[in-house]
């Protein structure tokens, strides 16, 4: 996979973010997700790849939905027939944080990750236990260790007190005990309604004010987080939550034979070439949201690659044709 594709994938997440930003704060999470998917789908077919969606919107619907197994890229269009394009696996979350966008809350993103064929785990749409940490503490923690032990290890690696740590946890009933365990150590908690992917990225960025993410969230988001960790040198430890026979059947259907396995970022996103792209829909800790003005639209994005190792923050002004742009900083 050519690293130059990063700018093509940047355009994909930018267009998805702009589309759903028009619905921001309108209270319609379904519409916000739908327009993001449709915009991402249209733009994806302009990318010079023979792509396959390995994490997407689920099974095929009547309309193109970036469903699991869908083929995308110029190779699928008439003008691409007979031309050889790189085979690429793609994981997408056209709108990470649908509720955040619908209510105008921070940290809604348009996200995708891409890798060489076979480089992203085909994760079933189940829950996944997760522990996400930054580079300094990734070799000092364990998914099976008690919460207090992990937090003390993180504090030692960062050369600070446990009381200085900030742990992000999804505000869900299933996390009541986890929250109590974290508070018992004296560490601080940031409860979020949605968006554990953006929190995971923040945990691996020095100076973000987030030191770990703990709890149970979606497995597809876990793979996207793993792709980001491959680029940021952070780490995710994860295990599928298989509660009933149907969950085990879905896992087996996607090639997962050991439901108790603990995955790392290299297991979830094993490709040699990883590209991760995200554009802010609403304002967040790392990126500003989409801003509309008289002459066009302004977006804030993050593009990361594993080879070459590169992290770029990109501020883009999309100028409407026949307009004179007035840029303000």
Protein backbone atom coordinates (compact mmCIF):
# COMPACT_ATOMS: atom_id res chain seq x y z
CA UNK A 1 0.00 0.00 0.00
CA UNK A 2 1.42 3.35 -1.10
CA UNK A 3 1.91 5.89 1.68
CA UNK A 4 0.74 8.58 -0.74
CA UNK A 5 -2.78 7.20 -0.26
CA UNK A 6 -2.89 9.04 3.06
CA UNK A 7 -4.07 12.22 1.35
CA UNK A 8 -6.79 10.32 -0.51
CA UNK A 9 -8.02 8.88 2.78
CA UNK A 10 -7.81 12.36 4.29
CA UNK A 11 -10.34 13.54 1.71
CA UNK A 12 -12.65 10.64 2.60
CA UNK A 13 -12.86 11.52 6.30
CA UNK A 14 -13.05 15.24 5.57
CA UNK A 15 -16.10 14.80 3.35
CA UNK A 16 -17.79 12.52 5.87
CA UNK A 17 -17.16 15.02 8.66
CA UNK A 18 -18.50 17.95 6.63
CA UNK A 19 -21.65 16.02 5.71
CA UNK A 20 -22.60 15.07 9.26
CA UNK A 21 -21.52 18.44 10.68
CA UNK A 22 -24.52 19.92 8.84
CA UNK A 23 -26.71 17.84 11.18
CA UNK A 24 -24.83 18.76 14.37
CA UNK A 25 -27.10 19.51 17.31
CA UNK A 26 -30.32 18.62 15.47
CA UNK A 27 -30.98 15.62 17.71
CA UNK A 28 -31.21 13.11 14.83
CA UNK A 29 -28.44 10.57 15.34
CA UNK A 30 -29.73 8.31 12.53
CA UNK A 31 -29.61 11.12 9.96
CA UNK A 32 -26.14 12.19 11.13
CA UNK A 33 -24.80 8.65 10.67
CA UNK A 34 -26.56 8.18 7.34
CA UNK A 35 -25.16 11.30 5.68
CA UNK A 36 -21.66 10.48 6.98
CA UNK A 37 -21.85 6.98 5.50
CA UNK A 38 -23.14 8.23 2.15
CA UNK A 39 -20.46 10.92 1.86
CA UNK A 40 -17.69 8.50 2.81
CA UNK A 41 -19.00 5.94 0.32
CA UNK A 42 -19.05 8.44 -2.57
CA UNK A 43 -15.55 9.70 -1.84
CA UNK A 44 -14.11 6.22 -1.27
CA UNK A 45 -14.75 5.25 -4.88
CA UNK A 46 -12.36 7.97 -6.06
CA UNK A 47 -9.42 6.41 -4.18
CA UNK A 48 -7.00 4.43 -6.43
CA UNK A 49 -7.32 1.10 -4.58
CA UNK A 50 -8.95 -2.31 -4.78
CA UNK A 51 -10.41 -1.99 -1.31
CA UNK A 52 -12.47 -4.21 0.99
CA UNK A 53 -14.40 -3.00 4.02
CA UNK A 54 -13.49 -5.31 6.91
CA UNK A 55 -15.15 -3.21 9.61
CA UNK A 56 -18.15 -1.16 8.58
CA UNK A 57 -21.88 -0.77 8.97
CA UNK A 58 -22.75 -4.46 9.23
CA UNK A 59 -24.46 -6.73 6.74
CA UNK A 60 -25.47 -5.54 3.30
CA UNK A 61 -28.55 -3.32 3.08
CA UNK A 62 -30.58 -2.25 0.08
CA UNK A 63 -28.42 0.85 -0.34
CA UNK A 64 -24.62 1.06 -0.34
CA UNK A 65 -23.73 1.29 3.35
CA UNK A 66 -20.01 0.49 3.60
CA UNK A 67 -21.06 -2.94 4.80
CA UNK A 68 -18.60 -5.60 5.88
CA UNK A 69 -17.18 -7.25 2.77
CA UNK A 70 -18.12 -4.40 0.43
CA UNK A 71 -15.62 -3.62 -2.33
CA UNK A 72 -14.62 0.01 -2.74
CA UNK A 73 -12.18 2.13 -4.71
CA UNK A 74 -11.59 2.96 -8.36
CA UNK A 75 -11.06 -0.74 -9.09
CA UNK A 76 -14.83 -1.22 -8.70
CA UNK A 77 -15.74 1.51 -11.19
CA UNK A 78 -15.94 1.06 -14.98
CA UNK A 79 -12.86 3.22 -15.56
CA UNK A 80 -10.86 0.99 -13.22
CA UNK A 81 -11.61 -2.32 -14.93
CA UNK A 82 -8.51 -4.10 -16.18
CA UNK A 83 -6.15 -1.91 -14.15
CA UNK A 84 -4.18 -3.29 -11.21
CA UNK A 85 -4.66 -1.37 -7.96
CA UNK A 86 -3.24 -2.16 -4.50
CA UNK A 87 -5.45 -4.45 -2.40
CA UNK A 88 -6.33 -2.64 0.81
CA UNK A 89 -8.39 -3.61 3.86
CA UNK A 90 -10.33 -0.74 5.40
CA UNK A 91 -12.03 -0.21 8.77
CA UNK A 92 -14.44 2.70 8.94
CA UNK A 93 -16.49 4.56 11.51
CA UNK A 94 -18.10 7.29 9.41
CA UNK A 95 -19.32 8.98 12.58
CA UNK A 96 -17.65 7.99 15.84
CA UNK A 97 -19.99 9.42 18.46
CA UNK A 98 -23.38 9.70 16.78
CA UNK A 99 -24.95 10.93 20.02
CA UNK A 100 -22.16 13.49 20.39
CA UNK A 101 -22.93 14.92 16.96
CA UNK A 102 -26.68 14.85 17.53
CA UNK A 103 -26.34 16.83 20.75
CA UNK A 104 -23.40 19.02 19.72
CA UNK A 105 -21.14 17.49 22.38
CA UNK A 106 -17.33 17.36 21.96
CA UNK A 107 -15.18 14.65 20.34
CA UNK A 108 -17.34 13.42 17.45
CA UNK A 109 -15.07 12.19 14.62
CA UNK A 110 -15.13 10.73 11.12
CA UNK A 111 -12.57 7.91 11.12
CA UNK A 112 -10.99 5.24 8.97
CA UNK A 113 -7.98 2.95 9.12
CA UNK A 114 -6.39 1.17 6.16
CA UNK A 115 -3.79 -1.54 5.77
CA UNK A 116 -2.39 -4.01 3.29
CA UNK A 117 -4.73 -6.91 2.60
CA UNK A 118 -5.13 -9.06 5.71
CA UNK A 119 -3.68 -6.39 8.00
CA UNK A 120 -6.79 -5.63 10.08
CA UNK A 121 -8.67 -8.11 12.26
CA UNK A 122 -12.20 -8.88 11.06
CA UNK A 123 -13.72 -8.16 14.46
CA UNK A 124 -17.31 -9.23 15.12
CA UNK A 125 -19.72 -6.57 16.30
CA UNK A 126 -19.43 -7.56 19.96
CA UNK A 127 -18.26 -5.87 23.12
CA UNK A 128 -14.58 -5.91 23.97
CA UNK A 129 -12.73 -5.37 27.25
CA UNK A 130 -10.11 -2.67 26.69
CA UNK A 131 -7.12 -1.13 28.38
CA UNK A 132 -5.40 1.65 26.41
CA UNK A 133 -2.18 3.31 27.56
CA UNK A 134 0.61 5.45 26.15
CA UNK A 135 4.14 4.46 25.10
CA UNK A 136 5.77 4.86 28.52
CA UNK A 137 3.55 2.37 30.33
CA UNK A 138 2.63 -0.16 27.65
CA UNK A 139 5.04 -2.79 29.01
CA UNK A 140 3.96 -2.35 32.65
CA UNK A 141 0.24 -3.18 32.59
CA UNK A 142 -1.97 -6.20 32.01
CA UNK A 143 -5.64 -6.59 31.13
CA UNK A 144 -5.98 -9.23 33.87
CA UNK A 145 -4.22 -7.23 36.58
CA UNK A 146 -6.29 -5.50 39.29
CA UNK A 147 -7.21 -1.90 38.53
CA UNK A 148 -5.10 -0.55 41.38
CA UNK A 149 -2.04 -2.49 40.27
CA UNK A 150 -2.31 -1.14 36.73
CA UNK A 151 -2.77 2.44 37.88
CA UNK A 152 0.20 2.27 40.24
CA UNK A 153 2.31 0.86 37.39
CA UNK A 154 1.22 3.68 35.06
CA UNK A 155 2.03 6.26 37.76
CA UNK A 156 5.51 4.80 38.25
CA UNK A 157 6.21 4.88 34.52
CA UNK A 158 5.08 8.52 34.32
CA UNK A 159 6.95 9.42 37.54
CA UNK A 160 3.89 10.88 39.19
CA UNK A 161 1.36 10.01 41.89
CA UNK A 162 -1.69 7.85 41.21
CA UNK A 163 -3.80 10.82 42.30
CA UNK A 164 -2.45 12.76 39.30
CA UNK A 165 -3.74 10.23 36.76
CA UNK A 166 -6.85 10.75 34.62
CA UNK A 167 -8.66 7.62 33.45
CA UNK A 168 -11.38 7.79 30.80
CA UNK A 169 -14.36 5.45 31.24
CA UNK A 170 -17.59 5.19 29.26
CA UNK A 171 -20.48 6.24 31.48
CA UNK A 172 -22.37 2.94 31.47
CA UNK A 173 -24.06 0.87 34.17
CA UNK A 174 -21.74 -2.03 33.38
CA UNK A 175 -18.81 0.07 34.63
CA UNK A 176 -20.12 0.78 38.15
CA UNK A 177 -17.61 -1.57 39.80
CA UNK A 178 -14.75 -0.38 37.60
CA UNK A 179 -15.48 3.23 38.54
CA UNK A 180 -15.50 2.34 42.23
CA UNK A 181 -12.16 0.50 41.87
CA UNK A 182 -10.55 3.46 40.12
CA UNK A 183 -11.84 5.95 42.69
CA UNK A 184 -10.55 3.74 45.50
CA UNK A 185 -7.00 4.31 44.23
CA UNK A 186 -7.39 8.10 44.32
CA UNK A 187 -7.06 8.45 40.54
CA UNK A 188 -9.38 10.84 38.73
CA UNK A 189 -12.03 9.73 36.25
CA UNK A 190 -13.38 11.41 33.16
CA UNK A 191 -16.74 9.84 32.34
CA UNK A 192 -17.78 10.12 28.69
CA UNK A 193 -21.10 9.37 27.02
CA UNK A 194 -19.56 8.14 23.75
CA UNK A 195 -16.31 8.27 21.84
CA UNK A 196 -13.90 5.82 23.43
CA UNK A 197 -11.86 5.85 20.20
CA UNK A 198 -10.94 9.53 20.54
CA UNK A 199 -10.19 8.89 24.22
CA UNK A 200 -7.87 6.04 23.28
CA UNK A 201 -5.94 8.28 20.89
CA UNK A 202 -5.63 10.92 23.61
CA UNK A 203 -4.18 8.35 26.03
CA UNK A 204 -1.23 7.82 23.68
CA UNK A 205 -0.56 11.53 23.10
CA UNK A 206 1.73 13.25 25.60
CA UNK A 207 0.15 16.34 27.09
CA UNK A 208 -3.46 15.38 26.34
CA UNK A 209 -4.28 15.03 30.04
CA UNK A 210 -5.49 11.43 29.59
CA UNK A 211 -3.34 8.61 30.95
CA UNK A 212 -5.46 5.50 30.35
CA UNK A 213 -8.76 4.27 28.99
CA UNK A 214 -10.47 1.39 30.79
CA UNK A 215 -13.70 -0.51 30.33
CA UNK A 216 -15.82 -2.35 27.80
CA UNK A 217 -16.70 -0.92 24.40
CA UNK A 218 -17.25 -2.00 20.81
CA UNK A 219 -14.83 -4.43 19.20
CA UNK A 220 -14.79 -2.61 15.83
CA UNK A 221 -13.70 0.57 17.62
CA UNK A 222 -11.01 -1.53 19.28
CA UNK A 223 -9.48 -2.36 15.90
CA UNK A 224 -9.53 1.30 14.88
CA UNK A 225 -7.87 2.21 18.19
CA UNK A 226 -5.24 -0.47 17.56
CA UNK A 227 -4.43 1.06 14.17
CA UNK A 228 -3.91 4.42 15.87
CA UNK A 229 -1.72 2.81 18.55
CA UNK A 230 0.48 1.27 15.85
CA UNK A 231 1.21 4.77 14.63
CA UNK A 232 1.50 6.42 18.07
CA UNK A 233 3.56 3.65 19.73
CA UNK A 234 0.88 3.32 22.40
CA UNK A 235 -0.87 0.05 23.24
CA UNK A 236 -4.31 -1.48 23.54
CA UNK A 237 -4.97 -4.71 25.39
CA UNK A 238 -8.32 -6.20 24.47
CA UNK A 239 -10.47 -9.31 24.81
CA UNK A 240 -13.82 -10.10 23.21
CA UNK A 241 -16.81 -10.39 25.51
CA UNK A 242 -18.55 -13.61 24.50
CA UNK A 243 -21.66 -14.05 26.63
CA UNK A 244 -23.82 -16.50 24.66
CA UNK A 245 -23.52 -19.20 21.98
CA UNK A 246 -24.64 -16.77 19.29
CA UNK A 247 -21.66 -14.52 20.09
CA UNK A 248 -19.31 -17.48 19.78
CA UNK A 249 -20.85 -18.42 16.42
CA UNK A 250 -20.36 -14.87 15.11
CA UNK A 251 -16.74 -14.94 16.26
CA UNK A 252 -16.05 -18.26 14.57
CA UNK A 253 -17.67 -17.02 11.35
CA UNK A 254 -15.04 -14.26 11.27
CA UNK A 255 -12.13 -16.65 11.90
CA UNK A 256 -11.79 -16.15 15.67
CA UNK A 257 -11.31 -19.52 17.40
CA UNK A 258 -10.12 -18.44 20.86
CA UNK A 259 -12.67 -16.05 22.44
CA UNK A 260 -10.55 -15.66 25.59
CA UNK A 261 -7.47 -14.43 23.76
CA UNK A 262 -5.97 -11.12 24.82
CA UNK A 263 -5.16 -9.02 21.77
CA UNK A 264 -2.60 -6.24 21.41
CA UNK A 265 -2.39 -3.56 18.75
CA UNK A 266 -0.14 -5.80 16.66
CA UNK A 267 -2.76 -8.55 16.77
CA UNK A 268 -5.68 -6.28 15.89
CA UNK A 269 -3.82 -4.22 13.28
CA UNK A 270 -0.99 -6.45 12.09
CA UNK A 271 -0.32 -4.86 8.70
CA UNK A 272 3.12 -3.53 7.91
CA UNK A 273 1.63 -0.39 6.39
CA UNK A 274 -1.07 1.28 8.48
CA UNK A 275 -2.80 4.56 7.67
CA UNK A 276 -5.15 6.15 10.20
CA UNK A 277 -7.22 9.21 9.29
CA UNK A 278 -9.68 11.21 11.40
CA UNK A 279 -11.44 14.56 11.00
CA UNK A 280 -13.15 16.38 13.85
CA UNK A 281 -16.90 16.84 13.52
CA UNK A 282 -17.32 18.66 16.83
CA UNK A 283 -14.54 20.30 18.84
CA UNK A 284 -12.30 17.92 20.77
CA UNK A 285 -9.07 17.74 22.70
CA UNK A 286 -6.94 17.03 19.61
CA UNK A 287 -8.94 18.51 16.73
CA UNK A 288 -11.43 21.28 16.21
CA UNK A 289 -14.79 20.52 14.69
CA UNK A 290 -16.01 21.51 11.23
CA UNK A 291 -16.46 25.27 10.87
CA UNK A 292 -18.66 26.79 8.19
CA UNK A 293 -18.11 30.33 6.94
CA UNK A 294 -19.25 32.44 4.01
CA UNK A 295 -16.50 31.33 1.65
CA UNK A 296 -16.39 27.61 2.41
CA UNK A 297 -15.60 25.12 5.15
CA UNK A 298 -12.65 24.57 7.48
CA UNK A 299 -11.69 21.13 8.83
CA UNK A 300 -9.14 19.87 11.33
CA UNK A 301 -7.71 16.39 10.79
CA UNK A 302 -5.16 13.89 12.06
CA UNK A 303 -3.30 11.63 9.61
CA UNK A 304 -0.95 8.94 10.92
CA UNK A 305 1.17 6.30 9.22
CA UNK A 306 3.28 3.43 10.47
CA UNK A 307 5.60 3.37 7.45
CA UNK A 308 7.11 5.85 7.25
CA UNK A 309 6.35 6.68 10.88
CA UNK A 310 4.61 10.02 10.55
CA UNK A 311 1.92 11.98 12.38
CA UNK A 312 0.38 15.05 10.78
CA UNK A 313 -2.21 17.52 12.01
CA UNK A 314 -3.84 19.08 8.95
CA UNK A 315 -5.98 22.21 8.87
CA UNK A 316 -7.83 22.48 5.55
CA UNK A 317 -9.93 25.25 4.07
CA UNK A 318 -12.34 23.96 1.42
CA UNK A 319 -13.06 26.98 -0.75
CA UNK A 320 -16.30 27.25 -2.68
CA UNK A 321 -15.80 27.97 -6.36
CA UNK A 322 -16.22 31.56 -7.59
CA UNK A 323 -15.60 32.88 -4.08
CA UNK A 324 -12.85 35.09 -2.70
CA UNK A 325 -11.60 33.41 0.45
CA UNK A 326 -10.86 35.40 3.60
CA UNK A 327 -8.75 33.32 5.94
CA UNK A 328 -8.83 34.10 9.64
CA UNK A 329 -6.67 32.40 12.26
